[in-house]
C-alpha atoms as a PDB file:
ATOM      1  CA  MET A   1      38.979  24.778 -22.474  1.00  0.00           C
ATOM      2  CA  SER A   2      35.739  23.085 -23.137  1.00  0.00           C
ATOM      3  CA  PRO A   3      32.489  25.066 -23.084  1.00  0.00           C
ATOM      4  CA  ARG A   4      30.584  24.648 -20.113  1.00  0.00           C
ATOM      5  CA  ARG A   5      27.371  22.456 -20.656  1.00  0.00           C
ATOM      6  CA  PRO A   6      24.205  23.377 -19.433  1.00  0.00           C
ATOM      7  CA  PRO A   7      22.899  21.559 -16.714  1.00  0.00           C
ATOM      8  CA  ARG A   8      20.079  19.008 -16.820  1.00  0.00           C
ATOM      9  CA  ALA A   9      16.752  20.080 -15.383  1.00  0.00           C
ATOM     10  CA  TRP A  10      16.593  18.921 -11.719  1.00  0.00           C
ATOM     11  CA  ILE A  11      13.931  16.121 -12.384  1.00  0.00           C
ATOM     12  CA  GLY A  12      14.313  12.602 -12.724  1.00  0.00           C
ATOM     13  CA  PRO A  13      12.285   9.597 -11.827  1.00  0.00           C
ATOM     14  CA  VAL A  14      12.089   8.184  -8.506  1.00  0.00           C
ATOM     15  CA  GLN A  15      13.137   4.458  -8.154  1.00  0.00           C
ATOM     16  CA  PRO A  16      12.214   2.328  -4.994  1.00  0.00           C
ATOM     17  CA  VAL A  17      15.156   2.504  -2.632  1.00  0.00           C
ATOM     18  CA  ASP A  18      17.479  -0.575  -2.907  1.00  0.00           C
ATOM     19  CA  PRO A  19      20.187  -2.037  -0.631  1.00  0.00           C
ATOM     20  CA  GLU A  20      22.921  -0.382  -3.136  1.00  0.00           C
ATOM     21  CA  GLU A  21      25.162   1.937  -1.039  1.00  0.00           C
ATOM     22  CA  LEU A  22      25.024   5.656  -1.910  1.00  0.00           C
ATOM     23  CA  VAL A  23      28.688   6.047  -1.565  1.00  0.00           C
ATOM     24  CA  GLY A  24      31.536   5.342  -4.158  1.00  0.00           C
ATOM     25  CA  PRO A  25      31.742   6.075  -7.706  1.00  0.00           C
ATOM     26  CA  ARG A  26      29.108   3.904  -8.997  1.00  0.00           C
ATOM     27  CA  GLY A  27      26.934   5.748 -11.827  1.00  0.00           C
ATOM     28  CA  LEU A  28      29.043   8.727 -12.201  1.00  0.00           C
ATOM     29  CA  ILE A  29      30.387   8.934 -15.832  1.00  0.00           C
ATOM     30  CA  GLU A  30      34.048   8.726 -16.900  1.00  0.00           C
ATOM     31  CA  GLU A  31      34.486  12.421 -17.301  1.00  0.00           C
ATOM     32  CA  VAL A  32      34.149  12.838 -13.340  1.00  0.00           C
ATOM     33  CA  LEU A  33      36.163   9.799 -12.665  1.00  0.00           C
ATOM     34  CA  ARG A  34      39.114  10.781 -15.225  1.00  0.00           C
ATOM     35  CA  GLY A  35      38.991  14.567 -13.369  1.00  0.00           C
ATOM     36  CA  GLU A  36      38.184  16.267 -16.741  1.00  0.00           C
ATOM     37  CA  ASP A  37      36.985  19.593 -16.403  1.00  0.00           C
ATOM     38  CA  GLU A  38      39.211  20.677 -13.566  1.00  0.00           C
ATOM     39  CA  GLU A  39      38.153  24.308 -13.546  1.00  0.00           C
ATOM     40  CA  HIS A  40      34.719  23.366 -12.063  1.00  0.00           C
ATOM     41  CA  ALA A  41      36.134  21.092  -9.290  1.00  0.00           C
ATOM     42  CA  ALA A  42      35.340  24.000  -6.701  1.00  0.00           C
ATOM     43  CA  ASP A  43      32.538  25.236  -8.681  1.00  0.00           C
ATOM     44  CA  PRO A  44      29.202  25.158  -6.150  1.00  0.00           C
ATOM     45  CA  ASP A  45      27.312  24.958  -8.919  1.00  0.00           C
ATOM     46  CA  ALA A  46      25.515  21.587  -8.087  1.00  0.00           C
ATOM     47  CA  GLY A  47      23.355  21.580 -11.335  1.00  0.00           C
ATOM     48  CA  PHE A  48      26.843  21.153 -13.384  1.00  0.00           C
ATOM     49  CA  PHE A  49      27.631  18.042 -11.581  1.00  0.00           C
ATOM     50  CA  TRP A  50      24.011  16.653 -11.612  1.00  0.00           C
ATOM     51  CA  SER A  51      24.585  17.169 -15.510  1.00  0.00           C
ATOM     52  CA  LEU A  52      27.565  14.628 -15.253  1.00  0.00           C
ATOM     53  CA  LEU A  53      25.747  11.784 -13.171  1.00  0.00           C
ATOM     54  CA  SER A  54      24.230   8.701 -15.075  1.00  0.00           C
ATOM     55  CA  PRO A  55      20.367   8.309 -15.043  1.00  0.00           C
ATOM     56  CA  ALA A  56      20.863   5.551 -12.674  1.00  0.00           C
ATOM     57  CA  ARG A  57      22.849   7.527 -10.509  1.00  0.00           C
ATOM     58  CA  GLN A  58      20.585  10.658 -10.642  1.00  0.00           C
ATOM     59  CA  ALA A  59      17.457   8.074  -9.486  1.00  0.00           C
ATOM     60  CA  ARG A  60      19.498   6.564  -6.930  1.00  0.00           C
ATOM     61  CA  ILE A  61      20.132  10.018  -5.552  1.00  0.00           C
ATOM     62  CA  LEU A  62      16.255  10.977  -5.926  1.00  0.00           C
ATOM     63  CA  SER A  63      15.406   7.851  -4.262  1.00  0.00           C
ATOM     64  CA  VAL A  64      17.137   8.436  -1.020  1.00  0.00           C
ATOM     65  CA  ILE A  65      15.950  11.783  -0.759  1.00  0.00           C
ATOM     66  CA  GLU A  66      12.427  10.721  -1.093  1.00  0.00           C
ATOM     67  CA  ALA A  67      12.841   8.237   1.973  1.00  0.00           C
ATOM     68  CA  ARG A  68      14.589  10.766   4.351  1.00  0.00           C
ATOM     69  CA  LEU A  69      12.963  11.233   7.739  1.00  0.00           C
ATOM     70  CA  ALA A  70      12.972  14.350   9.377  1.00  0.00           C
ATOM     71  CA  SER A  71      10.766  13.453  12.273  1.00  0.00           C
ATOM     72  CA  VAL A  72      12.283  10.417  13.773  1.00  0.00           C
ATOM     73  CA  THR A  73      16.022  10.791  15.299  1.00  0.00           C
ATOM     74  CA  ILE A  74      18.527   9.906  17.777  1.00  0.00           C
ATOM     75  CA  VAL A  75      20.379  11.344  20.654  1.00  0.00           C
ATOM     76  CA  LEU A  76      23.731   9.722  21.394  1.00  0.00           C
ATOM     77  CA  ASP A  77      24.509  10.805  25.110  1.00  0.00           C
ATOM     78  CA  ARG A  78      27.883  10.378  26.046  1.00  0.00           C
ATOM     79  CA  LEU A  79      28.710   6.841  24.523  1.00  0.00           C
ATOM     80  CA  VAL A  80      32.326   5.885  25.518  1.00  0.00           C
ATOM     81  CA  ASP A  81      33.139   3.498  22.422  1.00  0.00           C
ATOM     82  CA  PRO A  82      33.496   5.354  19.170  1.00  0.00           C
ATOM     83  CA  HIS A  83      32.609   2.080  17.476  1.00  0.00           C
ATOM     84  CA  ASN A  84      29.164   1.947  18.918  1.00  0.00           C
ATOM     85  CA  THR A  85      28.451   5.750  18.024  1.00  0.00           C
ATOM     86  CA  ALA A  86      29.787   4.884  14.453  1.00  0.00           C
ATOM     87  CA  ALA A  87      27.695   1.934  14.208  1.00  0.00           C
ATOM     88  CA  ILE A  88      24.318   3.612  15.408  1.00  0.00           C
ATOM     89  CA  LEU A  89      25.160   6.737  13.030  1.00  0.00           C
ATOM     90  CA  ARG A  90      25.499   4.076   9.962  1.00  0.00           C
ATOM     91  CA  THR A  91      22.530   2.246  10.917  1.00  0.00           C
ATOM     92  CA  ALA A  92      20.766   5.764  11.152  1.00  0.00           C
ATOM     93  CA  GLU A  93      21.647   6.722   7.904  1.00  0.00           C
ATOM     94  CA  GLY A  94      20.904   3.525   6.384  1.00  0.00           C
ATOM     95  CA  LEU A  95      17.422   3.712   7.926  1.00  0.00           C
ATOM     96  CA  GLY A  96      17.275   6.995   6.049  1.00  0.00           C
ATOM     97  CA  LEU A  97      16.935   9.303   9.189  1.00  0.00           C
ATOM     98  CA  ALA A  98      18.031  12.899   8.231  1.00  0.00           C
ATOM     99  CA  ARG A  99      19.612  13.951  11.304  1.00  0.00           C
ATOM    100  CA  ALA A 100      21.013  12.437  14.529  1.00  0.00           C
ATOM    101  CA  HIS A 101      22.307  14.234  17.704  1.00  0.00           C
ATOM    102  CA  VAL A 102      25.638  13.522  19.470  1.00  0.00           C
ATOM    103  CA  VAL A 103      26.729  14.576  23.223  1.00  0.00           C
ATOM    104  CA  PRO A 104      30.388  13.794  23.015  1.00  0.00           C
ATOM    105  CA  HIS A 105      31.923  11.806  25.932  1.00  0.00           C
ATOM    106  CA  ASP A 106      34.836  13.693  25.776  1.00  0.00           C
ATOM    107  CA  PRO A 107      34.579  17.447  25.206  1.00  0.00           C
ATOM    108  CA  GLY A 108      37.556  17.423  23.102  1.00  0.00           C
ATOM    109  CA  ASP A 109      36.445  14.403  20.868  1.00  0.00           C
ATOM    110  CA  ASP A 110      36.438  15.735  17.072  1.00  0.00           C
ATOM    111  CA  GLY A 111      34.819  12.327  15.786  1.00  0.00           C
ATOM    112  CA  ARG A 112      38.035  11.311  13.894  1.00  0.00           C
ATOM    113  CA  ALA A 113      37.664   7.776  15.348  1.00  0.00           C
ATOM    114  CA  HIS A 114      34.028   7.399  14.250  1.00  0.00           C
ATOM    115  CA  ARG A 115      34.828   7.794  10.814  1.00  0.00           C
ATOM    116  CA  ARG A 116      36.816   4.578  10.609  1.00  0.00           C
ATOM    117  CA  VAL A 117      33.564   2.766  11.036  1.00  0.00           C
ATOM    118  CA  THR A 118      30.983   4.476   9.389  1.00  0.00           C
ATOM    119  CA  GLN A 119      32.012   3.954   5.996  1.00  0.00           C
ATOM    120  CA  ASP A 120      31.507   7.726   5.160  1.00  0.00           C
ATOM    121  CA  ALA A 121      27.912   7.379   6.434  1.00  0.00           C
ATOM    122  CA  GLN A 122      28.302  10.684   8.415  1.00  0.00           C
ATOM    123  CA  LYS A 123      28.798  12.503   5.141  1.00  0.00           C
ATOM    124  CA  TRP A 124      25.355  11.553   4.247  1.00  0.00           C
ATOM    125  CA  ILE A 125      23.382  12.196   7.329  1.00  0.00           C
ATOM    126  CA  ASP A 126      23.851  15.586   9.591  1.00  0.00           C
ATOM    127  CA  VAL A 127      25.278  15.300  13.009  1.00  0.00           C
ATOM    128  CA  GLU A 128      24.448  17.911  15.682  1.00  0.00           C
ATOM    129  CA  ARG A 129      26.450  18.338  18.462  1.00  0.00           C
ATOM    130  CA  HIS A 130      25.049  19.353  22.033  1.00  0.00           C
ATOM    131  CA  ARG A 131      26.402  20.026  25.450  1.00  0.00           C
ATOM    132  CA  SER A 132      24.542  17.535  27.568  1.00  0.00           C
ATOM    133  CA  GLY A 133      21.904  15.017  27.276  1.00  0.00           C
ATOM    134  CA  ALA A 134      19.373  17.363  29.256  1.00  0.00           C
ATOM    135  CA  ALA A 135      19.854  20.360  26.594  1.00  0.00           C
ATOM    136  CA  CYS A 136      19.419  18.065  23.624  1.00  0.00           C
ATOM    137  CA  ALA A 137      16.246  16.674  25.030  1.00  0.00           C
ATOM    138  CA  LYS A 138      14.959  20.129  26.056  1.00  0.00           C
ATOM    139  CA  GLU A 139      16.271  21.701  22.433  1.00  0.00           C
ATOM    140  CA  LEU A 140      14.437  18.957  20.486  1.00  0.00           C
ATOM    141  CA  ALA A 141      11.086  19.408  22.664  1.00  0.00           C
ATOM    142  CA  LYS A 142      10.997  22.971  21.465  1.00  0.00           C
ATOM    143  CA  ARG A 143      11.233  21.711  17.977  1.00  0.00           C
ATOM    144  CA  GLY A 144       8.293  19.650  18.655  1.00  0.00           C
ATOM    145  CA  PHE A 145       9.647  16.235  19.117  1.00  0.00           C
ATOM    146  CA  GLU A 146       8.997  13.720  22.096  1.00  0.00           C
ATOM    147  CA  VAL A 147      12.222  12.409  23.456  1.00  0.00           C
ATOM    148  CA  TRP A 148      12.148   8.995  24.822  1.00  0.00           C
ATOM    149  CA  ALA A 149      15.228   7.763  26.710  1.00  0.00           C
ATOM    150  CA  GLY A 150      16.186   3.753  26.578  1.00  0.00           C
ATOM    151  CA  HIS A 151      16.248   2.450  30.253  1.00  0.00           C
ATOM    152  CA  LEU A 152      16.669  -0.943  31.571  1.00  0.00           C
ATOM    153  CA  GLY A 153      13.954  -2.505  33.674  1.00  0.00           C
ATOM    154  CA  GLY A 154      10.934  -1.281  35.392  1.00  0.00           C
ATOM    155  CA  SER A 155       7.145  -0.775  34.002  1.00  0.00           C
ATOM    156  CA  VAL A 156       8.060   1.446  31.079  1.00  0.00           C
ATOM    157  CA  PRO A 157       6.655   1.098  27.638  1.00  0.00           C
ATOM    158  CA  LEU A 158       8.082  -1.291  25.222  1.00  0.00           C
ATOM    159  CA  TYR A 159       9.956   0.342  22.266  1.00  0.00           C
ATOM    160  CA  SER A 160       6.832  -1.215  20.181  1.00  0.00           C
ATOM    161  CA  GLU A 161       4.515   1.274  21.972  1.00  0.00           C
ATOM    162  CA  LEU A 162       6.071   4.465  21.226  1.00  0.00           C
ATOM    163  CA  PRO A 163       3.907   6.960  19.457  1.00  0.00           C
ATOM    164  CA  ALA A 164       4.487   7.056  15.524  1.00  0.00           C
ATOM    165  CA  ASP A 165       2.034   9.792  14.844  1.00  0.00           C
ATOM    166  CA  ARG A 166       4.074  12.747  15.811  1.00  0.00           C
ATOM    167  CA  PRO A 167       7.733  13.743  15.704  1.00  0.00           C
ATOM    168  CA  VAL A 168       9.977  11.340  18.141  1.00  0.00           C
ATOM    169  CA  ALA A 169      13.705  11.210  19.348  1.00  0.00           C
ATOM    170  CA  LEU A 170      15.165   8.169  21.077  1.00  0.00           C
ATOM    171  CA  LEU A 171      17.985   8.633  23.518  1.00  0.00           C
ATOM    172  CA  PHE A 172      20.627   6.301  24.336  1.00  0.00           C
ATOM    173  CA  GLY A 173      22.835   6.946  27.433  1.00  0.00           C
ATOM    174  CA  ASN A 174      26.319   5.948  28.194  1.00  0.00           C
ATOM    175  CA  GLU A 175      26.760   2.426  27.902  1.00  0.00           C
ATOM    176  CA  HIS A 176      27.705   1.896  31.658  1.00  0.00           C
ATOM    177  CA  GLU A 177      25.582   4.447  33.335  1.00  0.00           C
ATOM    178  CA  GLY A 178      22.812   4.984  30.947  1.00  0.00           C
ATOM    179  CA  PRO A 179      21.459   8.538  30.810  1.00  0.00           C
ATOM    180  CA  SER A 180      21.720  10.756  33.725  1.00  0.00           C
ATOM    181  CA  ALA A 181      18.800  11.510  35.982  1.00  0.00           C
ATOM    182  CA  GLU A 182      18.634  15.206  35.048  1.00  0.00           C
ATOM    183  CA  THR A 183      18.574  13.620  31.214  1.00  0.00           C
ATOM    184  CA  ILE A 184      15.749  11.485  31.701  1.00  0.00           C
ATOM    185  CA  ALA A 185      13.843  14.106  33.767  1.00  0.00           C
ATOM    186  CA  ALA A 186      14.140  16.409  30.673  1.00  0.00           C
ATOM    187  CA  CYS A 187      12.601  13.675  28.263  1.00  0.00           C
ATOM    188  CA  LYS A 188       8.914  12.763  27.906  1.00  0.00           C
ATOM    189  CA  GLY A 189       9.535   9.372  29.321  1.00  0.00           C
ATOM    190  CA  THR A 190      11.841   6.257  29.070  1.00  0.00           C
ATOM    191  CA  PHE A 191      11.230   2.829  27.150  1.00  0.00           C
ATOM    192  CA  ARG A 192      12.584  -0.647  27.363  1.00  0.00           C
ATOM    193  CA  ILE A 193      13.375  -3.555  24.916  1.00  0.00           C
ATOM    194  CA  PRO A 194      12.238  -6.820  26.409  1.00  0.00           C
ATOM    195  CA  MET A 195      15.008  -9.452  26.748  1.00  0.00           C
ATOM    196  CA  ALA A 196      13.811 -13.082  26.400  1.00  0.00           C
ATOM    197  CA  GLY A 197      17.363 -14.585  27.060  1.00  0.00           C
ATOM    198  CA  PHE A 198      20.002 -14.754  30.037  1.00  0.00           C
ATOM    199  CA  THR A 199      21.792 -11.878  28.450  1.00  0.00           C
ATOM    200  CA  GLN A 200      21.211  -8.520  31.027  1.00  0.00           C
ATOM    201  CA  SER A 201      21.191  -6.244  28.006  1.00  0.00           C
ATOM    202  CA  PHE A 202      21.681  -5.666  24.401  1.00  0.00           C
ATOM    203  CA  ASN A 203      24.628  -3.869  23.096  1.00  0.00           C
ATOM    204  CA  VAL A 204      23.827  -0.256  22.932  1.00  0.00           C
ATOM    205  CA  SER A 205      24.376  -0.111  18.938  1.00  0.00           C
ATOM    206  CA  VAL A 206      21.796  -3.303  18.547  1.00  0.00           C
ATOM    207  CA  ALA A 207      19.245  -1.590  20.812  1.00  0.00           C
ATOM    208  CA  ALA A 208      19.042   1.439  18.911  1.00  0.00           C
ATOM    209  CA  GLY A 209      19.066  -0.564  15.600  1.00  0.00           C
ATOM    210  CA  ILE A 210      16.255  -2.515  17.004  1.00  0.00           C
ATOM    211  CA  ALA A 211      14.259   0.300  18.041  1.00  0.00           C
ATOM    212  CA  LEU A 212      15.078   2.729  15.244  1.00  0.00           C
ATOM    213  CA  ALA A 213      14.041   0.234  12.808  1.00  0.00           C
ATOM    214  CA  HIS A 214      10.793  -0.271  14.194  1.00  0.00           C
ATOM    215  CA  LEU A 215       9.919   3.583  14.625  1.00  0.00           C
ATOM    216  CA  ALA A 216      11.126   4.438  11.306  1.00  0.00           C
ATOM    217  CA  GLN A 217       8.725   1.792   9.800  1.00  0.00           C
ATOM    218  CA  ALA A 218       5.578   2.574  12.043  1.00  0.00           C
ATOM    219  CA  ARG A 219       6.233   6.734  11.119  1.00  0.00           C
ATOM    220  CA  ARG A 220       6.230   5.838   7.328  1.00  0.00           C
ATOM    221  CA  ALA A 221       3.458   3.689   7.582  1.00  0.00           C
ATOM    222  CA  GLN A 222       1.763   6.543   9.774  1.00  0.00           C
ATOM    223  CA  LEU A 223       2.750   9.276   7.007  1.00  0.00           C
ATOM    224  CA  GLY A 224       1.607   6.908   4.126  1.00  0.00           C
ATOM    225  CA  ALA A 225       5.037   8.031   2.509  1.00  0.00           C
ATOM    226  CA  ALA A 226       8.770   7.174   2.589  1.00  0.00           C
ATOM    227  CA  GLY A 227       9.986  10.397   3.870  1.00  0.00           C
ATOM    228  CA  ASP A 228       8.763  14.130   4.929  1.00  0.00           C
ATOM    229  CA  LEU A 229      11.199  16.410   3.695  1.00  0.00           C
ATOM    230  CA  SER A 230       9.800  19.965   2.641  1.00  0.00           C
ATOM    231  CA  PRO A 231      10.175  20.703  -1.365  1.00  0.00           C
ATOM    232  CA  GLN A 232      12.858  23.095  -0.155  1.00  0.00           C
ATOM    233  CA  GLU A 233      14.678  20.609   2.027  1.00  0.00           C
ATOM    234  CA  ARG A 234      14.759  18.250  -0.825  1.00  0.00           C
ATOM    235  CA  VAL A 235      16.456  20.469  -3.316  1.00  0.00           C
ATOM    236  CA  LEU A 236      18.936  21.763  -0.707  1.00  0.00           C
ATOM    237  CA  LEU A 237      19.725  18.016   0.196  1.00  0.00           C
ATOM    238  CA  ARG A 238      19.790  16.852  -3.665  1.00  0.00           C
ATOM    239  CA  GLU A 239      22.530  19.705  -4.086  1.00  0.00           C
ATOM    240  CA  ARG A 240      24.824  18.448  -1.045  1.00  0.00           C
ATOM    241  CA  PHE A 241      24.406  14.702  -2.182  1.00  0.00           C
ATOM    242  CA  THR A 242      25.258  15.773  -5.700  1.00  0.00           C
ATOM    243  CA  LEU A 243      28.584  17.438  -4.561  1.00  0.00           C
ATOM    244  CA  LEU A 244      29.314  14.716  -2.126  1.00  0.00           C
ATOM    245  CA  ALA A 245      29.084  12.267  -4.762  1.00  0.00           C
ATOM    246  CA  ALA A 246      30.883  13.788  -7.167  1.00  0.00           C
ATOM    247  CA  ARG A 247      33.966  14.748  -4.296  1.00  0.00           C
ATOM    248  CA  LEU A 248      33.873  11.147  -3.154  1.00  0.00           C
ATOM    249  CA  ALA A 249      33.835   9.503  -6.651  1.00  0.00           C
ATOM    250  CA  ARG A 250      37.028  11.889  -7.577  1.00  0.00           C
ATOM    251  CA  ARG A 251      38.806  11.001  -4.389  1.00  0.00           C
ATOM    252  CA  MET A 252      38.452   7.619  -4.896  1.00  0.00           C
ATOM    253  CA  LYS A 253      39.574   7.533  -8.766  1.00  0.00           C
ATOM    254  CA  GLN A 254      42.884   9.354  -7.374  1.00  0.00           C
ATOM    255  CA  ARG A 255      43.636   6.535  -4.720  1.00  0.00           C
ATOM    256  CA  ARG A 256      43.700   3.863  -7.501  1.00  0.00           C
END
């Protein structure tokens, strides 16, 4: 058995976020891909696995953490189509959101169907479940968020007019019914996305992508920074991403 090598320091250069996906084995050195040092497979010490990552992979993880936004989030309230839920979670993770909130349409839904579409996005973003849209909106309000529900028609603010100088959550309701009256009453207000064609509404995953992309950009401009995690949150997320990267790489190598 080879002696355990000391972990590298938890520091490294932060590169600009690029479109390369974080999932998969890219950036991991051959020792991890071959499955060597098997005695460390269940070792919770993320520092050891960090020492097995190439500098490019380390920089990629650090750049993603640097761009994580905790002050912008999304609520998916009783969506029927699991592909819509999965697509929105993938979009939210790709835009750098740290957390998403889901109210299952079916209380027995365990999220398995979503994983076919997310391409592992749910592994990189925290997903918190709630019993109802109203309960979720009230809980987020306690945490300091303004919750705005997407709603068709009416003289309500455009998505581009939502505030970016404070934590904001965007809530999207059931594809057929929208958010319930109780849920809307628990929100700060409603917003709309203007339509210029004959189509009456966007698909909910498209609507979420449009609104989230604008709000995330506006929030970063307001912050003057790519992300807003605390130093402690960054350390915890770095440990989590490091272990996930190692496990995913090992799993993909075994499937070859």
